Amino acid sequence: MEVIDRRDFMKSMAGAAALAALETKAASASDPGPLFLSTWVHGKPANERAAEVFKSGGSLLDAVEKGINVPENDPKVMSVGYGGLPNEEGEVELDAAIMDGARHHAGAVCSLRNIKNPISVARLVLEKTRHTTLAGEGAFRFALKMGFQPQSLLTPRASRNGWNGNPTPTEKPIGSLPKPTTHWHGRD
């Protein structure tokens, strides 16, 4: 591994920051408004939906929430929402967080089961409670109280590609980490 001294690191970070500032100014001059970014292919439709909501007069929080709802509702996306991969118990557990930078508030849910749109629940945690995070059964009860309907999130595709519920003889005892291939089989 190459060792980088602090001065070289600071120089490279300063250069990156300057470049980012120039690119942001160029983008804002031609198209004012927020920039929606994603790292995954399924983020493109999410970004498009977010931009659509914002351009039609929705708030930035509305745009972020509705954008994230797109992959949450897509059964082909196996990382979030309906179609997400199951945990070791064969259940889909979801996490989501949203922040309101202007007010310095946040809302999040962790280990939420049987609720399709965790980002929408997280937003309600932000807006309706004094908490920043609700988890597990508490997050589920809150979602029900807010009008969300429970449903199975495990699709046949996610079930085929996720945890099969049967430990293999090569698995190690609880407390050690098994090989990922022990639990996760080839993904489409």
Protein backbone atom coordinates (compact mmCIF):
# COMPACT_ATOMS: atom_id res chain seq x y z
CA MET A 1 0.00 0.00 0.00
CA GLU A 2 1.34 3.40 -0.98
CA VAL A 3 1.90 5.85 1.87
CA ILE A 4 0.71 9.40 1.28
CA ASP A 5 1.88 12.16 3.55
CA ARG A 6 -0.54 14.68 5.01
CA ARG A 7 0.59 17.58 2.77
CA ASP A 8 0.09 15.61 -0.43
CA PHE A 9 -3.29 14.42 0.81
CA MET A 10 -4.38 17.99 1.63
CA LYS A 11 -3.20 19.23 -1.78
CA SER A 12 -5.17 16.56 -3.61
CA MET A 13 -8.29 17.23 -1.51
CA ALA A 14 -8.01 20.98 -2.13
CA GLY A 15 -7.71 20.33 -5.85
CA ALA A 16 -10.72 18.02 -5.83
CA ALA A 17 -12.77 20.59 -3.89
CA ALA A 18 -11.82 23.36 -6.33
CA LEU A 19 -12.78 21.18 -9.30
CA ALA A 20 -16.09 20.27 -7.71
CA ALA A 21 -16.84 23.95 -7.05
CA LEU A 22 -16.13 24.82 -10.70
CA GLU A 23 -18.33 22.00 -11.98
CA THR A 24 -21.14 23.01 -9.62
CA LYS A 25 -20.98 26.65 -10.75
CA ALA A 26 -21.06 25.58 -14.41
CA ALA A 27 -24.05 23.34 -13.81
CA SER A 28 -25.94 25.92 -11.76
CA ALA A 29 -25.49 28.62 -14.37
CA SER A 30 -27.27 26.54 -17.01
CA ASP A 31 -29.77 24.63 -14.85
CA PRO A 32 -30.52 26.01 -11.38
CA GLY A 33 -31.89 23.66 -8.76
CA PRO A 34 -30.78 20.59 -6.87
CA LEU A 35 -28.61 17.89 -8.31
CA PHE A 36 -29.87 14.34 -7.67
CA LEU A 37 -27.13 11.69 -7.63
CA SER A 38 -27.18 7.91 -7.37
CA THR A 39 -24.52 5.25 -7.45
CA TRP A 40 -26.60 2.39 -8.85
CA VAL A 41 -28.35 1.86 -12.20
CA HIS A 42 -31.74 1.74 -10.45
CA GLY A 43 -30.99 5.25 -9.17
CA LYS A 44 -31.52 6.82 -12.60
CA PRO A 45 -35.34 6.44 -12.57
CA ALA A 46 -35.28 7.57 -8.92
CA ASN A 47 -33.37 10.72 -9.87
CA GLU A 48 -35.73 11.39 -12.76
CA ARG A 49 -38.76 11.08 -10.49
CA ALA A 50 -37.13 13.32 -7.86
CA ALA A 51 -36.38 16.00 -10.46
CA GLU A 52 -39.95 15.76 -11.79
CA VAL A 53 -41.45 16.22 -8.30
CA PHE A 54 -39.17 19.17 -7.54
CA LYS A 55 -39.80 20.88 -10.90
CA SER A 56 -43.55 20.54 -10.41
CA GLY A 57 -43.39 22.50 -7.15
CA GLY A 58 -42.68 19.80 -4.56
CA SER A 59 -40.23 20.47 -1.76
CA LEU A 60 -36.79 18.95 -1.78
CA LEU A 61 -37.95 16.46 0.88
CA ASP A 62 -40.92 15.53 -1.34
CA ALA A 63 -38.55 15.01 -4.26
CA VAL A 64 -36.13 12.83 -2.30
CA GLU A 65 -38.91 10.71 -0.78
CA LYS A 66 -40.80 10.18 -4.04
CA GLY A 67 -37.57 9.49 -5.91
CA ILE A 68 -36.55 6.79 -3.44
CA ASN A 69 -40.04 5.29 -3.61
CA VAL A 70 -39.28 4.31 -7.24
CA PRO A 71 -36.67 1.60 -6.46
CA GLU A 72 -38.52 0.69 -3.25
CA ASN A 73 -41.55 -0.24 -5.38
CA ASP A 74 -39.60 -2.06 -8.11
CA PRO A 75 -39.53 -5.85 -7.53
CA LYS A 76 -36.45 -6.14 -9.79
CA VAL A 77 -34.35 -4.05 -7.38
CA MET A 78 -33.04 -6.48 -4.81
CA SER A 79 -31.41 -4.04 -2.40
CA VAL A 80 -34.36 -1.98 -1.15
CA GLY A 81 -38.11 -2.24 -0.69
CA TYR A 82 -40.35 -4.78 -2.39
CA GLY A 83 -38.01 -7.39 -3.82
CA GLY A 84 -35.18 -6.77 -1.36
CA LEU A 85 -33.10 -9.76 -0.31
CA PRO A 86 -34.19 -11.54 2.85
CA ASN A 87 -32.25 -11.80 6.09
CA GLU A 88 -31.17 -15.05 7.78
CA GLU A 89 -34.75 -15.66 8.91
CA GLY A 90 -36.05 -15.37 5.37
CA GLU A 91 -37.66 -11.96 5.96
CA VAL A 92 -36.96 -8.69 4.21
CA GLU A 93 -35.79 -6.05 6.69
CA LEU A 94 -35.36 -2.51 5.48
CA ASP A 95 -33.55 0.63 6.65
CA ALA A 96 -33.97 4.19 5.43
CA ALA A 97 -32.95 7.67 6.49
CA ILE A 98 -33.81 11.17 5.32
CA MET A 99 -32.47 14.54 6.39
CA ASP A 100 -33.78 18.07 6.30
CA GLY A 101 -30.56 20.07 6.03
CA ALA A 102 -32.26 23.45 6.41
CA ARG A 103 -33.67 22.53 9.84
CA HIS A 104 -30.92 20.09 10.84
CA HIS A 105 -33.45 17.31 11.45
CA ALA A 106 -33.33 13.66 10.47
CA GLY A 107 -35.63 10.66 10.50
CA ALA A 108 -34.69 7.02 10.10
CA VAL A 109 -36.02 3.49 10.44
CA CYS A 110 -33.99 0.32 10.90
CA SER A 111 -34.93 -3.35 10.63
CA LEU A 112 -38.42 -2.46 9.42
CA ARG A 113 -40.36 -5.52 8.25
CA ASN A 114 -43.48 -5.81 6.08
CA ILE A 115 -43.68 -2.14 5.10
CA LYS A 116 -42.96 -1.40 1.45
CA ASN A 117 -41.73 2.20 1.63
CA PRO A 118 -39.32 2.70 4.53
CA ILE A 119 -38.21 6.13 3.27
CA SER A 120 -41.78 7.38 3.70
CA VAL A 121 -41.86 6.03 7.25
CA ALA A 122 -38.48 7.65 7.94
CA ARG A 123 -39.84 10.98 6.73
CA LEU A 124 -42.75 10.68 9.14
CA VAL A 125 -40.30 9.93 11.96
CA LEU A 126 -38.61 13.22 11.02
CA GLU A 127 -41.87 15.19 10.84
CA LYS A 128 -44.10 13.61 13.49
CA THR A 129 -41.80 12.58 16.35
CA ARG A 130 -39.03 13.94 18.50
CA HIS A 131 -36.93 10.88 17.63
CA THR A 132 -34.37 10.51 14.90
CA THR A 133 -34.54 6.71 14.62
CA LEU A 134 -37.09 3.98 15.23
CA ALA A 135 -36.12 0.33 14.88
CA GLY A 136 -37.65 -3.11 14.57
CA GLU A 137 -41.05 -3.61 16.17
CA GLY A 138 -41.25 0.04 17.25
CA ALA A 139 -40.71 1.21 13.67
CA PHE A 140 -43.34 -1.28 12.47
CA ARG A 141 -45.94 -0.13 15.05
CA PHE A 142 -45.25 3.50 14.15
CA ALA A 143 -45.75 2.73 10.44
CA LEU A 144 -49.10 1.06 11.19
CA LYS A 145 -50.13 4.03 13.32
CA MET A 146 -49.29 6.33 10.40
CA GLY A 147 -51.58 4.32 8.07
CA PHE A 148 -49.14 2.03 6.26
CA GLN A 149 -50.48 -1.41 5.36
CA PRO A 150 -48.37 -4.46 6.16
CA GLN A 151 -47.52 -6.76 3.28
CA SER A 152 -45.04 -9.47 2.41
CA LEU A 153 -42.00 -7.97 0.69
CA LEU A 154 -40.42 -11.28 -0.32
CA THR A 155 -40.72 -11.81 -4.05
CA PRO A 156 -40.09 -15.21 -5.69
CA ARG A 157 -36.98 -13.77 -7.35
CA ALA A 158 -35.53 -12.44 -4.08
CA SER A 159 -36.38 -15.73 -2.39
CA ARG A 160 -34.46 -17.67 -5.06
CA ASN A 161 -31.44 -15.38 -4.75
CA GLY A 162 -31.36 -14.87 -1.01
CA TRP A 163 -31.10 -16.84 2.17
CA ASN A 164 -32.50 -20.31 1.74
CA GLY A 165 -33.04 -20.93 5.44
CA ASN A 166 -31.00 -24.12 5.49
CA PRO A 167 -27.52 -23.81 6.99
CA THR A 168 -24.93 -25.87 5.18
CA PRO A 169 -22.56 -28.24 7.00
CA THR A 170 -19.65 -25.89 6.22
CA GLU A 171 -21.17 -23.03 8.21
CA LYS A 172 -19.38 -21.94 11.31
CA PRO A 173 -21.11 -21.57 14.67
CA ILE A 174 -22.88 -18.35 15.64
CA GLY A 175 -20.35 -15.69 16.55
CA SER A 176 -18.10 -16.25 13.54
CA LEU A 177 -18.60 -15.00 10.02
CA PRO A 178 -19.49 -17.60 7.38
CA LYS A 179 -18.41 -17.20 3.78
CA PRO A 180 -20.89 -14.99 1.89
CA THR A 181 -21.45 -17.80 -0.62
CA THR A 182 -22.88 -19.89 2.22
CA HIS A 183 -25.89 -17.58 2.40
CA TRP A 184 -26.13 -15.79 -0.90
CA HIS A 185 -26.49 -17.66 -4.14
CA GLY A 186 -25.98 -16.36 -7.67
CA ARG A 187 -27.87 -13.18 -8.40
CA ASP A 188 -29.67 -12.47 -11.65
